[in-house]
């Protein structure tokens, strides 16, 4: 999770990813942010997240993104 938080903070240093729970629902992250996060996460963890998993609920919080990463790391 620490690596993920560093990635997220590198993309959006203005956000507190430990507290935010509605990043997509409230429009805090835009589509460019999501694509950047996706690219960085795929590279950092050696995974390839499927387009079908690019739903708002998977990107609403760091915990949700981490759960998605864990799904692909198994």
PDB file of N, CA and C in Angstrom:
ATOM      1  N   UNK A   1       0.828  -1.202   0.000  1.00  0.00           N
ATOM      2  CA  UNK A   1       0.000   0.000   0.000  1.00  0.00           C
ATOM      3  C   UNK A   1       0.868   1.260   0.000  1.00  0.00           C
ATOM      4  N   UNK A   2       2.006   1.186   0.644  1.00  0.00           N
ATOM      5  CA  UNK A   2       2.907   2.345   0.707  1.00  0.00           C
ATOM      6  C   UNK A   2       3.347   2.781  -0.687  1.00  0.00           C
ATOM      7  N   UNK A   3       3.657   1.812  -1.539  1.00  0.00           N
ATOM      8  CA  UNK A   3       4.054   2.122  -2.916  1.00  0.00           C
ATOM      9  C   UNK A   3       2.911   2.796  -3.661  1.00  0.00           C
ATOM     10  N   UNK A   4       1.709   2.294  -3.463  1.00  0.00           N
ATOM     11  CA  UNK A   4       0.533   2.893  -4.113  1.00  0.00           C
ATOM     12  C   UNK A   4       0.343   4.337  -3.666  1.00  0.00           C
ATOM     13  N   UNK A   5       0.431   4.591  -2.370  1.00  0.00           N
ATOM     14  CA  UNK A   5       0.256   5.957  -1.853  1.00  0.00           C
ATOM     15  C   UNK A   5       1.305   6.884  -2.462  1.00  0.00           C
ATOM     16  N   UNK A   6       2.537   6.416  -2.584  1.00  0.00           N
ATOM     17  CA  UNK A   6       3.587   7.243  -3.195  1.00  0.00           C
ATOM     18  C   UNK A   6       3.253   7.557  -4.652  1.00  0.00           C
ATOM     19  N   UNK A   7       2.741   6.569  -5.367  1.00  0.00           N
ATOM     20  CA  UNK A   7       2.330   6.786  -6.755  1.00  0.00           C
ATOM     21  C   UNK A   7       1.230   7.838  -6.813  1.00  0.00           C
ATOM     22  N   UNK A   8       0.207   7.666  -5.983  1.00  0.00           N
ATOM     23  CA  UNK A   8      -0.930   8.590  -5.979  1.00  0.00           C
ATOM     24  C   UNK A   8      -0.499  10.006  -5.618  1.00  0.00           C
ATOM     25  N   UNK A   9       0.341  10.123  -4.612  1.00  0.00           N
ATOM     26  CA  UNK A   9       0.820  11.450  -4.200  1.00  0.00           C
ATOM     27  C   UNK A   9       1.693  12.083  -5.276  1.00  0.00           C
ATOM     28  N   UNK A  10       2.407  11.264  -6.046  1.00  0.00           N
ATOM     29  CA  UNK A  10       3.211  11.786  -7.147  1.00  0.00           C
ATOM     30  C   UNK A  10       2.349  12.337  -8.275  1.00  0.00           C
ATOM     31  N   UNK A  11       1.147  11.789  -8.404  1.00  0.00           N
ATOM     32  CA  UNK A  11       0.234  12.239  -9.455  1.00  0.00           C
ATOM     33  C   UNK A  11      -0.597  13.417  -8.984  1.00  0.00           C
ATOM     34  N   UNK A  12      -1.083  13.349  -7.750  1.00  0.00           N
ATOM     35  CA  UNK A  12      -1.920  14.420  -7.181  1.00  0.00           C
ATOM     36  C   UNK A  12      -1.477  14.714  -5.750  1.00  0.00           C
ATOM     37  N   UNK A  13      -0.421  15.492  -5.618  1.00  0.00           N
ATOM     38  CA  UNK A  13       0.139  15.822  -4.307  1.00  0.00           C
ATOM     39  C   UNK A  13      -0.821  16.664  -3.466  1.00  0.00           C
ATOM     40  N   UNK A  14      -1.835  17.230  -4.093  1.00  0.00           N
ATOM     41  CA  UNK A  14      -2.777  18.103  -3.392  1.00  0.00           C
ATOM     42  C   UNK A  14      -3.852  17.335  -2.622  1.00  0.00           C
ATOM     43  N   UNK A  15      -3.885  16.011  -2.757  1.00  0.00           N
ATOM     44  CA  UNK A  15      -4.938  15.219  -2.124  1.00  0.00           C
ATOM     45  C   UNK A  15      -4.406  14.389  -0.967  1.00  0.00           C
ATOM     46  N   UNK A  16      -5.268  14.147   0.019  1.00  0.00           N
ATOM     47  CA  UNK A  16      -4.947  13.255   1.129  1.00  0.00           C
ATOM     48  C   UNK A  16      -5.600  11.907   0.827  1.00  0.00           C
ATOM     49  N   UNK A  17      -4.847  11.024   0.224  1.00  0.00           N
ATOM     50  CA  UNK A  17      -5.395   9.750  -0.225  1.00  0.00           C
ATOM     51  C   UNK A  17      -5.756   8.817   0.920  1.00  0.00           C
ATOM     52  N   UNK A  18      -5.258   9.089   2.123  1.00  0.00           N
ATOM     53  CA  UNK A  18      -5.632   8.278   3.284  1.00  0.00           C
ATOM     54  C   UNK A  18      -7.057   8.578   3.732  1.00  0.00           C
ATOM     55  N   UNK A  19      -7.571   9.752   3.396  1.00  0.00           N
ATOM     56  CA  UNK A  19      -8.895  10.163   3.866  1.00  0.00           C
ATOM     57  C   UNK A  19      -9.969  10.186   2.792  1.00  0.00           C
ATOM     58  N   UNK A  20      -9.596  10.466   1.564  1.00  0.00           N
ATOM     59  CA  UNK A  20     -10.579  10.592   0.491  1.00  0.00           C
ATOM     60  C   UNK A  20     -11.260   9.261   0.191  1.00  0.00           C
ATOM     61  N   UNK A  21     -12.591   9.278   0.103  1.00  0.00           N
ATOM     62  CA  UNK A  21     -13.364   8.063  -0.154  1.00  0.00           C
ATOM     63  C   UNK A  21     -14.247   8.178  -1.405  1.00  0.00           C
ATOM     64  N   UNK A  22     -14.303   9.375  -2.009  1.00  0.00           N
ATOM     65  CA  UNK A  22     -15.177   9.579  -3.169  1.00  0.00           C
ATOM     66  C   UNK A  22     -14.453  10.334  -4.280  1.00  0.00           C
ATOM     67  N   UNK A  23     -13.275   9.846  -4.606  1.00  0.00           N
ATOM     68  CA  UNK A  23     -12.440  10.515  -5.596  1.00  0.00           C
ATOM     69  C   UNK A  23     -13.125  10.647  -6.953  1.00  0.00           C
ATOM     70  N   UNK A  24     -13.828   9.622  -7.357  1.00  0.00           N
ATOM     71  CA  UNK A  24     -14.520   9.655  -8.641  1.00  0.00           C
ATOM     72  C   UNK A  24     -15.935  10.218  -8.491  1.00  0.00           C
ATOM     73  N   UNK A  25     -16.644   9.783  -7.462  1.00  0.00           N
ATOM     74  CA  UNK A  25     -18.031  10.214  -7.269  1.00  0.00           C
ATOM     75  C   UNK A  25     -18.157  11.731  -7.152  1.00  0.00           C
ATOM     76  N   UNK A  26     -17.145  12.376  -6.563  1.00  0.00           N
ATOM     77  CA  UNK A  26     -17.187  13.833  -6.395  1.00  0.00           C
ATOM     78  C   UNK A  26     -16.384  14.564  -7.464  1.00  0.00           C
ATOM     79  N   UNK A  27     -15.885  13.849  -8.459  1.00  0.00           N
ATOM     80  CA  UNK A  27     -15.158  14.476  -9.562  1.00  0.00           C
ATOM     81  C   UNK A  27     -13.791  15.002  -9.184  1.00  0.00           C
ATOM     82  N   UNK A  28     -13.221  14.478  -8.099  1.00  0.00           N
ATOM     83  CA  UNK A  28     -11.900  14.926  -7.657  1.00  0.00           C
ATOM     84  C   UNK A  28     -10.825  14.450  -8.637  1.00  0.00           C
ATOM     85  N   UNK A  29     -10.965  13.210  -9.090  1.00  0.00           N
ATOM     86  CA  UNK A  29     -10.073  12.691 -10.129  1.00  0.00           C
ATOM     87  C   UNK A  29     -10.779  12.773 -11.470  1.00  0.00           C
ATOM     88  N   UNK A  30     -10.038  13.164 -12.497  1.00  0.00           N
ATOM     89  CA  UNK A  30     -10.620  13.159 -13.840  1.00  0.00           C
ATOM     90  C   UNK A  30     -10.081  11.961 -14.621  1.00  0.00           C
ATOM     91  N   UNK A  31     -10.524  11.807 -15.834  1.00  0.00           N
ATOM     92  CA  UNK A  31     -10.138  10.638 -16.628  1.00  0.00           C
ATOM     93  C   UNK A  31      -8.630  10.604 -16.882  1.00  0.00           C
ATOM     94  N   UNK A  32      -8.010  11.760 -17.037  1.00  0.00           N
ATOM     95  CA  UNK A  32      -6.560  11.796 -17.227  1.00  0.00           C
ATOM     96  C   UNK A  32      -5.851  11.269 -15.986  1.00  0.00           C
ATOM     97  N   UNK A  33      -6.334  11.666 -14.787  1.00  0.00           N
ATOM     98  CA  UNK A  33      -5.759  11.162 -13.538  1.00  0.00           C
ATOM     99  C   UNK A  33      -5.861   9.638 -13.472  1.00  0.00           C
ATOM    100  N   UNK A  34      -7.007   9.111 -13.826  1.00  0.00           N
ATOM    101  CA  UNK A  34      -7.228   7.663 -13.759  1.00  0.00           C
ATOM    102  C   UNK A  34      -6.290   6.936 -14.715  1.00  0.00           C
ATOM    103  N   UNK A  35      -6.151   7.433 -15.925  1.00  0.00           N
ATOM    104  CA  UNK A  35      -5.252   6.799 -16.900  1.00  0.00           C
ATOM    105  C   UNK A  35      -3.805   6.859 -16.418  1.00  0.00           C
ATOM    106  N   UNK A  36      -3.416   7.975 -15.831  1.00  0.00           N
ATOM    107  CA  UNK A  36      -2.063   8.110 -15.288  1.00  0.00           C
ATOM    108  C   UNK A  36      -1.846   7.140 -14.134  1.00  0.00           C
ATOM    109  N   UNK A  37      -2.819   7.065 -13.229  1.00  0.00           N
ATOM    110  CA  UNK A  37      -2.742   6.121 -12.108  1.00  0.00           C
ATOM    111  C   UNK A  37      -2.637   4.696 -12.645  1.00  0.00           C
ATOM    112  N   UNK A  38      -3.478   4.367 -13.592  1.00  0.00           N
ATOM    113  CA  UNK A  38      -3.491   3.030 -14.177  1.00  0.00           C
ATOM    114  C   UNK A  38      -2.124   2.671 -14.753  1.00  0.00           C
ATOM    115  N   UNK A  39      -1.553   3.562 -15.512  1.00  0.00           N
ATOM    116  CA  UNK A  39      -0.252   3.326 -16.126  1.00  0.00           C
ATOM    117  C   UNK A  39       0.836   3.125 -15.068  1.00  0.00           C
ATOM    118  N   UNK A  40       0.865   4.011 -14.083  1.00  0.00           N
ATOM    119  CA  UNK A  40       1.881   3.931 -13.027  1.00  0.00           C
ATOM    120  C   UNK A  40       1.735   2.659 -12.200  1.00  0.00           C
ATOM    121  N   UNK A  41       0.502   2.299 -11.864  1.00  0.00           N
ATOM    122  CA  UNK A  41       0.239   1.105 -11.065  1.00  0.00           C
ATOM    123  C   UNK A  41       0.620  -0.148 -11.859  1.00  0.00           C
ATOM    124  N   UNK A  42       0.239  -0.200 -13.117  1.00  0.00           N
ATOM    125  CA  UNK A  42       0.601  -1.348 -13.958  1.00  0.00           C
ATOM    126  C   UNK A  42       2.113  -1.529 -13.998  1.00  0.00           C
ATOM    127  N   UNK A  43       2.844  -0.441 -14.186  1.00  0.00           N
ATOM    128  CA  UNK A  43       4.303  -0.511 -14.251  1.00  0.00           C
ATOM    129  C   UNK A  43       4.915  -0.901 -12.910  1.00  0.00           C
ATOM    130  N   UNK A  44       4.457  -0.279 -11.849  1.00  0.00           N
ATOM    131  CA  UNK A  44       5.048  -0.508 -10.525  1.00  0.00           C
ATOM    132  C   UNK A  44       4.834  -1.929 -10.020  1.00  0.00           C
ATOM    133  N   UNK A  45       3.676  -2.501 -10.324  1.00  0.00           N
ATOM    134  CA  UNK A  45       3.345  -3.821  -9.787  1.00  0.00           C
ATOM    135  C   UNK A  45       3.442  -4.940 -10.830  1.00  0.00           C
ATOM    136  N   UNK A  46       3.815  -4.595 -12.055  1.00  0.00           N
ATOM    137  CA  UNK A  46       3.960  -5.600 -13.099  1.00  0.00           C
ATOM    138  C   UNK A  46       2.658  -6.302 -13.440  1.00  0.00           C
ATOM    139  N   UNK A  47       1.589  -5.528 -13.483  1.00  0.00           N
ATOM    140  CA  UNK A  47       0.266  -6.083 -13.778  1.00  0.00           C
ATOM    141  C   UNK A  47      -0.319  -5.370 -14.996  1.00  0.00           C
ATOM    142  N   UNK A  48      -1.452  -5.853 -15.447  1.00  0.00           N
ATOM    143  CA  UNK A  48      -2.170  -5.212 -16.542  1.00  0.00           C
ATOM    144  C   UNK A  48      -3.658  -5.242 -16.207  1.00  0.00           C
ATOM    145  N   UNK A  49      -4.137  -4.143 -15.657  1.00  0.00           N
ATOM    146  CA  UNK A  49      -5.530  -4.056 -15.237  1.00  0.00           C
ATOM    147  C   UNK A  49      -6.426  -4.013 -16.463  1.00  0.00           C
ATOM    148  N   UNK A  50      -7.426  -4.861 -16.455  1.00  0.00           N
ATOM    149  CA  UNK A  50      -8.375  -5.009 -17.542  1.00  0.00           C
ATOM    150  C   UNK A  50      -9.275  -3.776 -17.649  1.00  0.00           C
ATOM    151  N   UNK A  51      -9.619  -3.391 -18.861  1.00  0.00           N
ATOM    152  CA  UNK A  51     -10.502  -2.250 -19.114  1.00  0.00           C
ATOM    153  C   UNK A  51     -11.833  -2.415 -18.374  1.00  0.00           C
ATOM    154  N   UNK A  52     -12.293  -3.639 -18.225  1.00  0.00           N
ATOM    155  CA  UNK A  52     -13.550  -3.897 -17.522  1.00  0.00           C
ATOM    156  C   UNK A  52     -13.524  -3.496 -16.060  1.00  0.00           C
ATOM    157  N   UNK A  53     -12.328  -3.317 -15.500  1.00  0.00           N
ATOM    158  CA  UNK A  53     -12.197  -2.913 -14.099  1.00  0.00           C
ATOM    159  C   UNK A  53     -12.024  -1.400 -13.934  1.00  0.00           C
ATOM    160  N   UNK A  54     -12.170  -0.657 -15.013  1.00  0.00           N
ATOM    161  CA  UNK A  54     -12.027   0.800 -14.938  1.00  0.00           C
ATOM    162  C   UNK A  54     -13.359   1.452 -14.571  1.00  0.00           C
ATOM    163  N   UNK A  55     -13.890   1.066 -13.441  1.00  0.00           N
ATOM    164  CA  UNK A  55     -15.154   1.624 -12.968  1.00  0.00           C
ATOM    165  C   UNK A  55     -14.889   2.624 -11.848  1.00  0.00           C
ATOM    166  N   UNK A  56     -15.785   3.594 -11.667  1.00  0.00           N
ATOM    167  CA  UNK A  56     -15.587   4.586 -10.609  1.00  0.00           C
ATOM    168  C   UNK A  56     -15.378   3.977  -9.230  1.00  0.00           C
ATOM    169  N   UNK A  57     -16.105   2.893  -8.921  1.00  0.00           N
ATOM    170  CA  UNK A  57     -15.956   2.313  -7.593  1.00  0.00           C
ATOM    171  C   UNK A  57     -14.558   1.778  -7.329  1.00  0.00           C
ATOM    172  N   UNK A  58     -13.839   1.388  -8.373  1.00  0.00           N
ATOM    173  CA  UNK A  58     -12.466   0.900  -8.211  1.00  0.00           C
ATOM    174  C   UNK A  58     -11.449   2.025  -8.046  1.00  0.00           C
ATOM    175  N   UNK A  59     -11.877   3.268  -8.244  1.00  0.00           N
ATOM    176  CA  UNK A  59     -10.956   4.407  -8.140  1.00  0.00           C
ATOM    177  C   UNK A  59     -11.459   5.485  -7.185  1.00  0.00           C
ATOM    178  N   UNK A  60     -12.408   5.163  -6.340  1.00  0.00           N
ATOM    179  CA  UNK A  60     -12.962   6.140  -5.393  1.00  0.00           C
ATOM    180  C   UNK A  60     -12.051   6.422  -4.211  1.00  0.00           C
ATOM    181  N   UNK A  61     -11.147   5.501  -3.896  1.00  0.00           N
ATOM    182  CA  UNK A  61     -10.256   5.693  -2.748  1.00  0.00           C
ATOM    183  C   UNK A  61      -8.979   4.889  -2.970  1.00  0.00           C
ATOM    184  N   UNK A  62      -7.969   5.211  -2.172  1.00  0.00           N
ATOM    185  CA  UNK A  62      -6.726   4.443  -2.243  1.00  0.00           C
ATOM    186  C   UNK A  62      -6.995   2.995  -1.871  1.00  0.00           C
ATOM    187  N   UNK A  63      -7.891   2.765  -0.917  1.00  0.00           N
ATOM    188  CA  UNK A  63      -8.220   1.393  -0.508  1.00  0.00           C
ATOM    189  C   UNK A  63      -8.839   0.613  -1.664  1.00  0.00           C
ATOM    190  N   UNK A  64      -9.715   1.265  -2.418  1.00  0.00           N
ATOM    191  CA  UNK A  64     -10.353   0.601  -3.563  1.00  0.00           C
ATOM    192  C   UNK A  64      -9.322   0.293  -4.652  1.00  0.00           C
ATOM    193  N   UNK A  65      -8.426   1.223  -4.893  1.00  0.00           N
ATOM    194  CA  UNK A  65      -7.380   1.000  -5.894  1.00  0.00           C
ATOM    195  C   UNK A  65      -6.470  -0.134  -5.426  1.00  0.00           C
ATOM    196  N   UNK A  66      -6.145  -0.140  -4.142  1.00  0.00           N
ATOM    197  CA  UNK A  66      -5.290  -1.190  -3.591  1.00  0.00           C
ATOM    198  C   UNK A  66      -5.951  -2.566  -3.723  1.00  0.00           C
ATOM    199  N   UNK A  67      -7.254  -2.636  -3.478  1.00  0.00           N
ATOM    200  CA  UNK A  67      -7.978  -3.894  -3.634  1.00  0.00           C
ATOM    201  C   UNK A  67      -7.901  -4.374  -5.087  1.00  0.00           C
ATOM    202  N   UNK A  68      -8.005  -3.448  -6.016  1.00  0.00           N
ATOM    203  CA  UNK A  68      -7.889  -3.788  -7.433  1.00  0.00           C
ATOM    204  C   UNK A  68      -6.488  -4.314  -7.757  1.00  0.00           C
ATOM    205  N   UNK A  69      -5.472  -3.640  -7.242  1.00  0.00           N
ATOM    206  CA  UNK A  69      -4.094  -4.082  -7.456  1.00  0.00           C
ATOM    207  C   UNK A  69      -3.915  -5.493  -6.898  1.00  0.00           C
ATOM    208  N   UNK A  70      -4.411  -5.718  -5.698  1.00  0.00           N
ATOM    209  CA  UNK A  70      -4.286  -7.032  -5.080  1.00  0.00           C
ATOM    210  C   UNK A  70      -4.971  -8.123  -5.894  1.00  0.00           C
ATOM    211  N   UNK A  71      -6.083  -7.796  -6.498  1.00  0.00           N
ATOM    212  CA  UNK A  71      -6.793  -8.748  -7.354  1.00  0.00           C
ATOM    213  C   UNK A  71      -5.896  -9.244  -8.486  1.00  0.00           C
ATOM    214  N   UNK A  72      -5.093  -8.339  -9.045  1.00  0.00           N
ATOM    215  CA  UNK A  72      -4.234  -8.683 -10.180  1.00  0.00           C
ATOM    216  C   UNK A  72      -2.870  -9.254  -9.757  1.00  0.00           C
ATOM    217  N   UNK A  73      -2.503  -9.061  -8.515  1.00  0.00           N
ATOM    218  CA  UNK A  73      -1.219  -9.570  -8.031  1.00  0.00           C
ATOM    219  C   UNK A  73      -1.296 -11.023  -7.581  1.00  0.00           C
ATOM    220  N   UNK A  74      -2.465 -11.583  -7.535  1.00  0.00           N
ATOM    221  CA  UNK A  74      -2.633 -12.968  -7.063  1.00  0.00           C
ATOM    222  C   UNK A  74      -2.312 -13.966  -8.118  1.00  0.00           C
TER     223      UNK A  74
END
